[in-house]
Amino acid sequence: MKVDKKETLRYLGYRGNTPDAKIEKLIQEVTEELERESLPKSVYREFPCEVVGNQVKIGPFSVESKHLSKNLHGCERAIILAATIGRSADLLIKKYSVINLAKATIVQAAGASAIENYVDEVEEEIRKNAEERGFYLRPRFSPGYGDFPLECQKEVFQLLECSKRIGITLTKGNLMMPTKSVTAVIGLTREKYQSCHQKNCSRCEKTDCEFREE
């Protein structure tokens, strides 16, 4: 797992702008500390997938979602996954919120970059296995995107035994702890389509993509 500096800068709001030397130094310090302290873990399972109208059924999991059904249209199977980089980012944010607010902000951004990059690594593992069997991956889609209800986190956690296997828990509002954690659905299809350069719709500016949540 690595922290992507470009992504960290994007999360910090530096769109095309270069930070000064002081910020550069803080980013480097935070990156080294976060990479050293993080303990990335993941779990995923593959299920048969069926889409009828807006109703999506993935193994025992069923949900009505126009956006998810659009993303999974034509998929025979789907992966449900969960991943985390552990408590390191949360602990560093708590520490630096007291002694260095600038660093706390940078940890927030670097942590977001770290978990996305780690999920990319997990997805690449899934991709290789899928392609050996003649499947191609659709962009991953997470609870809370579009009309895919955040409440579905509960069923995802039960299916994957997230708390037991990788140490992620849910708050009453269905938010994940540690905060730098991700759950997602990835469709597997026999039909090859032009791959997206982004693996997550929330990171992509291509608003006319047929698989993007609205």
C-alpha atoms as a PDB file:
ATOM      1  CA  MET A   1       0.000   0.000   0.000  1.00  0.00           C
ATOM      2  CA  LYS A   2       1.298   3.410  -1.036  1.00  0.00           C
ATOM      3  CA  VAL A   3       0.085   6.967  -0.649  1.00  0.00           C
ATOM      4  CA  ASP A   4      -0.274   8.720  -4.007  1.00  0.00           C
ATOM      5  CA  LYS A   5       1.038  12.288  -3.692  1.00  0.00           C
ATOM      6  CA  LYS A   6      -0.985  13.498  -6.674  1.00  0.00           C
ATOM      7  CA  GLU A   7      -4.179  12.118  -5.170  1.00  0.00           C
ATOM      8  CA  THR A   8      -3.295  13.568  -1.773  1.00  0.00           C
ATOM      9  CA  LEU A   9      -2.914  16.998  -3.355  1.00  0.00           C
ATOM     10  CA  ARG A  10      -6.247  16.564  -5.139  1.00  0.00           C
ATOM     11  CA  TYR A  11      -7.989  15.766  -1.854  1.00  0.00           C
ATOM     12  CA  LEU A  12      -6.312  18.821  -0.325  1.00  0.00           C
ATOM     13  CA  GLY A  13      -7.706  21.026  -3.107  1.00  0.00           C
ATOM     14  CA  TYR A  14      -4.472  21.631  -5.043  1.00  0.00           C
ATOM     15  CA  ARG A  15      -5.935  21.297  -8.536  1.00  0.00           C
ATOM     16  CA  GLY A  16      -3.090  22.247 -10.849  1.00  0.00           C
ATOM     17  CA  ASN A  17      -1.387  24.308  -8.161  1.00  0.00           C
ATOM     18  CA  THR A  18       1.930  23.514  -6.498  1.00  0.00           C
ATOM     19  CA  PRO A  19       2.118  23.629  -2.681  1.00  0.00           C
ATOM     20  CA  ASP A  20       4.909  25.565  -1.027  1.00  0.00           C
ATOM     21  CA  ALA A  21       8.002  23.892   0.419  1.00  0.00           C
ATOM     22  CA  LYS A  22       6.539  23.773   3.932  1.00  0.00           C
ATOM     23  CA  ILE A  23       3.457  21.866   2.811  1.00  0.00           C
ATOM     24  CA  GLU A  24       5.590  19.587   0.636  1.00  0.00           C
ATOM     25  CA  LYS A  25       7.666  18.685   3.693  1.00  0.00           C
ATOM     26  CA  LEU A  26       4.565  17.988   5.789  1.00  0.00           C
ATOM     27  CA  ILE A  27       3.099  15.772   3.060  1.00  0.00           C
ATOM     28  CA  GLN A  28       6.331  13.780   2.885  1.00  0.00           C
ATOM     29  CA  GLU A  29       6.433  13.337   6.666  1.00  0.00           C
ATOM     30  CA  VAL A  30       2.792  12.286   6.836  1.00  0.00           C
ATOM     31  CA  THR A  31       3.177   9.899   3.892  1.00  0.00           C
ATOM     32  CA  GLU A  32       6.133   8.113   5.471  1.00  0.00           C
ATOM     33  CA  GLU A  33       4.382   7.837   8.838  1.00  0.00           C
ATOM     34  CA  LEU A  34       1.101   6.614   7.370  1.00  0.00           C
ATOM     35  CA  GLU A  35       2.738   4.008   5.130  1.00  0.00           C
ATOM     36  CA  ARG A  36       4.803   2.760   8.069  1.00  0.00           C
ATOM     37  CA  GLU A  37       1.894   2.500  10.517  1.00  0.00           C
ATOM     38  CA  SER A  38      -0.916   1.217   8.282  1.00  0.00           C
ATOM     39  CA  LEU A  39      -2.077  -2.410   8.356  1.00  0.00           C
ATOM     40  CA  PRO A  40      -4.119  -2.960   5.190  1.00  0.00           C
ATOM     41  CA  LYS A  41      -6.540  -5.883   5.127  1.00  0.00           C
ATOM     42  CA  SER A  42      -9.281  -7.001   2.764  1.00  0.00           C
ATOM     43  CA  VAL A  43     -11.926  -9.658   2.279  1.00  0.00           C
ATOM     44  CA  TYR A  44     -14.148 -10.418  -0.696  1.00  0.00           C
ATOM     45  CA  ARG A  45     -16.545 -13.050  -1.981  1.00  0.00           C
ATOM     46  CA  GLU A  46     -17.936 -13.847  -5.408  1.00  0.00           C
ATOM     47  CA  PHE A  47     -21.610 -14.611  -6.036  1.00  0.00           C
ATOM     48  CA  PRO A  48     -23.986 -15.197  -8.939  1.00  0.00           C
ATOM     49  CA  CYS A  49     -25.522 -11.902 -10.074  1.00  0.00           C
ATOM     50  CA  GLU A  50     -28.993 -11.264 -11.487  1.00  0.00           C
ATOM     51  CA  VAL A  51     -30.448  -7.924 -12.566  1.00  0.00           C
ATOM     52  CA  VAL A  52     -34.154  -7.542 -13.368  1.00  0.00           C
ATOM     53  CA  GLY A  53     -35.231  -3.950 -13.904  1.00  0.00           C
ATOM     54  CA  ASN A  54     -33.920  -2.031 -10.921  1.00  0.00           C
ATOM     55  CA  GLN A  55     -33.796  -5.127  -8.722  1.00  0.00           C
ATOM     56  CA  VAL A  56     -30.308  -6.530  -8.102  1.00  0.00           C
ATOM     57  CA  LYS A  57     -29.634  -9.921  -6.557  1.00  0.00           C
ATOM     58  CA  ILE A  58     -26.054 -10.894  -5.666  1.00  0.00           C
ATOM     59  CA  GLY A  59     -26.056 -14.285  -3.978  1.00  0.00           C
ATOM     60  CA  PRO A  60     -28.250 -13.905  -0.876  1.00  0.00           C
ATOM     61  CA  PHE A  61     -28.021 -10.100  -1.076  1.00  0.00           C
ATOM     62  CA  SER A  62     -30.889  -8.234  -2.760  1.00  0.00           C
ATOM     63  CA  VAL A  63     -31.449  -4.495  -3.274  1.00  0.00           C
ATOM     64  CA  GLU A  64     -33.469  -2.161  -5.468  1.00  0.00           C
ATOM     65  CA  SER A  65     -31.202   0.467  -7.034  1.00  0.00           C
ATOM     66  CA  LYS A  66     -31.418   2.068 -10.468  1.00  0.00           C
ATOM     67  CA  HIS A  67     -27.760   3.086 -10.413  1.00  0.00           C
ATOM     68  CA  LEU A  68     -26.396  -0.256  -9.236  1.00  0.00           C
ATOM     69  CA  SER A  69     -28.579  -2.168 -11.713  1.00  0.00           C
ATOM     70  CA  LYS A  70     -27.256   0.051 -14.514  1.00  0.00           C
ATOM     71  CA  ASN A  71     -23.686  -0.647 -13.429  1.00  0.00           C
ATOM     72  CA  LEU A  72     -24.255  -4.412 -13.220  1.00  0.00           C
ATOM     73  CA  HIS A  73     -26.439  -4.832 -16.323  1.00  0.00           C
ATOM     74  CA  GLY A  74     -25.288  -7.938 -18.204  1.00  0.00           C
ATOM     75  CA  CYS A  75     -23.121  -9.248 -15.353  1.00  0.00           C
ATOM     76  CA  GLU A  76     -23.293 -12.977 -14.601  1.00  0.00           C
ATOM     77  CA  ARG A  77     -21.400 -12.708 -11.348  1.00  0.00           C
ATOM     78  CA  ALA A  78     -20.331 -10.035  -8.886  1.00  0.00           C
ATOM     79  CA  ILE A  79     -17.771  -9.508  -6.154  1.00  0.00           C
ATOM     80  CA  ILE A  80     -18.633  -7.956  -2.806  1.00  0.00           C
ATOM     81  CA  LEU A  81     -15.535  -6.636  -1.062  1.00  0.00           C
ATOM     82  CA  ALA A  82     -14.387  -4.753   2.000  1.00  0.00           C
ATOM     83  CA  ALA A  83     -10.974  -3.246   2.686  1.00  0.00           C
ATOM     84  CA  THR A  84      -9.270  -1.060   5.271  1.00  0.00           C
ATOM     85  CA  ILE A  85      -5.841   0.394   6.000  1.00  0.00           C
ATOM     86  CA  GLY A  86      -6.464  -0.002   9.727  1.00  0.00           C
ATOM     87  CA  ARG A  87      -6.623   2.563  12.545  1.00  0.00           C
ATOM     88  CA  SER A  88      -3.404   4.399  11.711  1.00  0.00           C
ATOM     89  CA  ALA A  89      -5.019   7.364   9.923  1.00  0.00           C
ATOM     90  CA  ASP A  90      -7.655   7.825  12.635  1.00  0.00           C
ATOM     91  CA  LEU A  91      -5.023   7.745  15.393  1.00  0.00           C
ATOM     92  CA  LEU A  92      -2.772  10.188  13.560  1.00  0.00           C
ATOM     93  CA  ILE A  93      -5.661  12.577  12.909  1.00  0.00           C
ATOM     94  CA  LYS A  94      -6.563  12.463  16.602  1.00  0.00           C
ATOM     95  CA  LYS A  95      -2.952  13.135  17.595  1.00  0.00           C
ATOM     96  CA  TYR A  96      -2.303  15.943  15.146  1.00  0.00           C
ATOM     97  CA  SER A  97      -5.675  17.635  15.755  1.00  0.00           C
ATOM     98  CA  VAL A  98      -4.193  18.640  19.102  1.00  0.00           C
ATOM     99  CA  ILE A  99      -0.615  19.521  18.125  1.00  0.00           C
ATOM    100  CA  ASN A 100      -0.584  20.286  14.388  1.00  0.00           C
ATOM    101  CA  LEU A 101      -3.844  20.999  12.516  1.00  0.00           C
ATOM    102  CA  ALA A 102      -2.085  21.235   9.163  1.00  0.00           C
ATOM    103  CA  LYS A 103      -0.757  17.714   9.556  1.00  0.00           C
ATOM    104  CA  ALA A 104      -4.174  16.464  10.672  1.00  0.00           C
ATOM    105  CA  THR A 105      -5.675  17.789   7.439  1.00  0.00           C
ATOM    106  CA  ILE A 106      -2.924  16.178   5.382  1.00  0.00           C
ATOM    107  CA  VAL A 107      -3.398  12.830   7.148  1.00  0.00           C
ATOM    108  CA  GLN A 108      -7.084  12.981   6.198  1.00  0.00           C
ATOM    109  CA  ALA A 109      -6.179  13.482   2.533  1.00  0.00           C
ATOM    110  CA  ALA A 110      -3.300  11.001   2.488  1.00  0.00           C
ATOM    111  CA  GLY A 111      -5.466   8.397   4.210  1.00  0.00           C
ATOM    112  CA  ALA A 112      -8.137   8.791   1.531  1.00  0.00           C
ATOM    113  CA  SER A 113      -5.463   8.289  -1.123  1.00  0.00           C
ATOM    114  CA  ALA A 114      -4.036   5.275   0.709  1.00  0.00           C
ATOM    115  CA  ILE A 115      -7.305   3.365   1.009  1.00  0.00           C
ATOM    116  CA  GLU A 116      -8.225   4.020  -2.628  1.00  0.00           C
ATOM    117  CA  ASN A 117      -4.811   2.822  -3.791  1.00  0.00           C
ATOM    118  CA  TYR A 118      -5.050  -0.262  -1.615  1.00  0.00           C
ATOM    119  CA  VAL A 119      -8.483  -1.129  -3.009  1.00  0.00           C
ATOM    120  CA  ASP A 120      -6.998  -0.661  -6.494  1.00  0.00           C
ATOM    121  CA  GLU A 121      -4.399  -3.303  -5.573  1.00  0.00           C
ATOM    122  CA  VAL A 122      -7.098  -5.695  -4.345  1.00  0.00           C
ATOM    123  CA  GLU A 123      -9.128  -5.046  -7.479  1.00  0.00           C
ATOM    124  CA  GLU A 124      -6.133  -5.859  -9.667  1.00  0.00           C
ATOM    125  CA  GLU A 125      -5.882  -9.238  -7.937  1.00  0.00           C
ATOM    126  CA  ILE A 126      -9.583  -9.796  -8.643  1.00  0.00           C
ATOM    127  CA  ARG A 127      -9.130  -8.675 -12.253  1.00  0.00           C
ATOM    128  CA  LYS A 128      -6.351 -11.169 -12.957  1.00  0.00           C
ATOM    129  CA  ASN A 129      -8.371 -14.041 -11.526  1.00  0.00           C
ATOM    130  CA  ALA A 130     -11.492 -12.972 -13.435  1.00  0.00           C
ATOM    131  CA  GLU A 131      -9.720 -12.612 -16.776  1.00  0.00           C
ATOM    132  CA  GLU A 132      -8.313 -16.122 -16.456  1.00  0.00           C
ATOM    133  CA  ARG A 133     -11.945 -17.277 -16.457  1.00  0.00           C
ATOM    134  CA  GLY A 134     -13.040 -15.018 -19.310  1.00  0.00           C
ATOM    135  CA  PHE A 135     -14.634 -12.253 -17.233  1.00  0.00           C
ATOM    136  CA  TYR A 136     -14.099  -8.490 -17.289  1.00  0.00           C
ATOM    137  CA  LEU A 137     -14.651  -6.060 -14.419  1.00  0.00           C
ATOM    138  CA  ARG A 138     -17.124  -3.225 -14.218  1.00  0.00           C
ATOM    139  CA  PRO A 139     -16.176  -0.128 -12.151  1.00  0.00           C
ATOM    140  CA  ARG A 140     -16.602  -0.756  -8.433  1.00  0.00           C
ATOM    141  CA  PHE A 141     -19.696   0.737  -6.854  1.00  0.00           C
ATOM    142  CA  SER A 142     -20.110   1.402  -3.129  1.00  0.00           C
ATOM    143  CA  PRO A 143     -23.106   1.710  -0.792  1.00  0.00           C
ATOM    144  CA  GLY A 144     -23.993   5.388  -0.533  1.00  0.00           C
ATOM    145  CA  TYR A 145     -23.337   6.123  -4.229  1.00  0.00           C
ATOM    146  CA  GLY A 146     -26.410   7.286  -6.134  1.00  0.00           C
ATOM    147  CA  ASP A 147     -29.463   5.404  -4.878  1.00  0.00           C
ATOM    148  CA  PHE A 148     -27.492   2.394  -3.593  1.00  0.00           C
ATOM    149  CA  PRO A 149     -28.550   2.703   0.078  1.00  0.00           C
ATOM    150  CA  LEU A 150     -25.910   3.155   2.744  1.00  0.00           C
ATOM    151  CA  GLU A 151     -28.075   0.901   4.921  1.00  0.00           C
ATOM    152  CA  CYS A 152     -26.888  -2.029   2.765  1.00  0.00           C
ATOM    153  CA  GLN A 153     -23.623  -1.872   4.699  1.00  0.00           C
ATOM    154  CA  LYS A 154     -25.248  -4.069   7.345  1.00  0.00           C
ATOM    155  CA  GLU A 155     -25.834  -6.939   4.913  1.00  0.00           C
ATOM    156  CA  VAL A 156     -22.380  -6.514   3.362  1.00  0.00           C
ATOM    157  CA  PHE A 157     -20.806  -6.755   6.814  1.00  0.00           C
ATOM    158  CA  GLN A 158     -22.774  -9.904   7.625  1.00  0.00           C
ATOM    159  CA  LEU A 159     -21.895 -11.583   4.321  1.00  0.00           C
ATOM    160  CA  LEU A 160     -18.178 -10.843   4.637  1.00  0.00           C
ATOM    161  CA  GLU A 161     -17.876 -11.066   8.440  1.00  0.00           C
ATOM    162  CA  CYS A 162     -15.994  -7.767   8.285  1.00  0.00           C
ATOM    163  CA  SER A 163     -15.652  -7.243  12.020  1.00  0.00           C
ATOM    164  CA  LYS A 164     -14.269 -10.710  12.632  1.00  0.00           C
ATOM    165  CA  ARG A 165     -12.046 -10.995   9.554  1.00  0.00           C
ATOM    166  CA  ILE A 166     -10.585  -7.508   9.004  1.00  0.00           C
ATOM    167  CA  GLY A 167     -11.596  -5.510  12.073  1.00  0.00           C
ATOM    168  CA  ILE A 168     -14.074  -3.042  10.546  1.00  0.00           C
ATOM    169  CA  THR A 169     -17.161  -2.097  12.550  1.00  0.00           C
ATOM    170  CA  LEU A 170     -20.271  -0.049  11.742  1.00  0.00           C
ATOM    171  CA  THR A 171     -21.623   2.924  13.633  1.00  0.00           C
ATOM    172  CA  LYS A 172     -25.370   3.360  14.182  1.00  0.00           C
ATOM    173  CA  GLY A 173     -25.366   5.561  11.089  1.00  0.00           C
ATOM    174  CA  ASN A 174     -23.771   2.776   8.999  1.00  0.00           C
ATOM    175  CA  LEU A 175     -20.410   4.541   8.762  1.00  0.00           C
ATOM    176  CA  MET A 176     -17.280   2.435   8.982  1.00  0.00           C
ATOM    177  CA  MET A 177     -14.638   2.430  11.666  1.00  0.00           C
ATOM    178  CA  PRO A 178     -11.733   2.704  10.966  1.00  0.00           C
ATOM    179  CA  THR A 179     -12.830   5.548   8.716  1.00  0.00           C
ATOM    180  CA  LYS A 180     -10.310   4.746   5.968  1.00  0.00           C
ATOM    181  CA  SER A 181     -12.247   1.686   4.891  1.00  0.00           C
ATOM    182  CA  VAL A 182     -14.234   0.812   1.778  1.00  0.00           C
ATOM    183  CA  THR A 183     -16.966  -1.612   0.791  1.00  0.00           C
ATOM    184  CA  ALA A 184     -17.929  -2.088  -2.833  1.00  0.00           C
ATOM    185  CA  VAL A 185     -19.573  -4.239  -5.465  1.00  0.00           C
ATOM    186  CA  ILE A 186     -17.699  -5.162  -8.658  1.00  0.00           C
ATOM    187  CA  GLY A 187     -19.611  -6.732 -11.526  1.00  0.00           C
ATOM    188  CA  LEU A 188     -18.104  -9.518 -13.641  1.00  0.00           C
ATOM    189  CA  THR A 189     -19.216  -9.633 -17.268  1.00  0.00           C
ATOM    190  CA  ARG A 190     -18.276 -11.654 -20.345  1.00  0.00           C
ATOM    191  CA  GLU A 191     -18.597  -8.513 -22.437  1.00  0.00           C
ATOM    192  CA  LYS A 192     -15.470  -6.429 -22.800  1.00  0.00           C
ATOM    193  CA  TYR A 193     -15.956  -2.679 -22.883  1.00  0.00           C
ATOM    194  CA  GLN A 194     -13.624   0.270 -22.997  1.00  0.00           C
ATOM    195  CA  SER A 195     -11.952   0.346 -19.604  1.00  0.00           C
ATOM    196  CA  CYS A 196     -12.196   3.428 -17.450  1.00  0.00           C
ATOM    197  CA  HIS A 197      -8.944   5.032 -16.286  1.00  0.00           C
ATOM    198  CA  GLN A 198     -10.590   5.490 -12.897  1.00  0.00           C
ATOM    199  CA  LYS A 199     -11.746   2.505 -10.869  1.00  0.00           C
ATOM    200  CA  ASN A 200     -14.090   4.485  -8.657  1.00  0.00           C
ATOM    201  CA  CYS A 201     -16.810   6.858  -9.871  1.00  0.00           C
ATOM    202  CA  SER A 202     -16.199   9.273  -6.978  1.00  0.00           C
ATOM    203  CA  ARG A 203     -12.676   9.953  -8.333  1.00  0.00           C
ATOM    204  CA  CYS A 204     -13.724  10.453 -11.955  1.00  0.00           C
ATOM    205  CA  GLU A 205     -14.709  13.640 -13.780  1.00  0.00           C
ATOM    206  CA  LYS A 206     -16.151  11.836 -16.823  1.00  0.00           C
ATOM    207  CA  THR A 207     -19.798  12.784 -16.301  1.00  0.00           C
ATOM    208  CA  ASP A 208     -21.089  11.118 -19.494  1.00  0.00           C
ATOM    209  CA  CYS A 209     -19.890   7.595 -18.574  1.00  0.00           C
ATOM    210  CA  GLU A 210     -22.718   5.058 -18.990  1.00  0.00           C
ATOM    211  CA  PHE A 211     -21.734   3.331 -15.748  1.00  0.00           C
ATOM    212  CA  ARG A 212     -21.429   6.463 -13.589  1.00  0.00           C
ATOM    213  CA  GLU A 213     -23.840   7.003 -10.724  1.00  0.00           C
ATOM    214  CA  GLU A 214     -25.953  10.127 -11.201  1.00  0.00           C
END
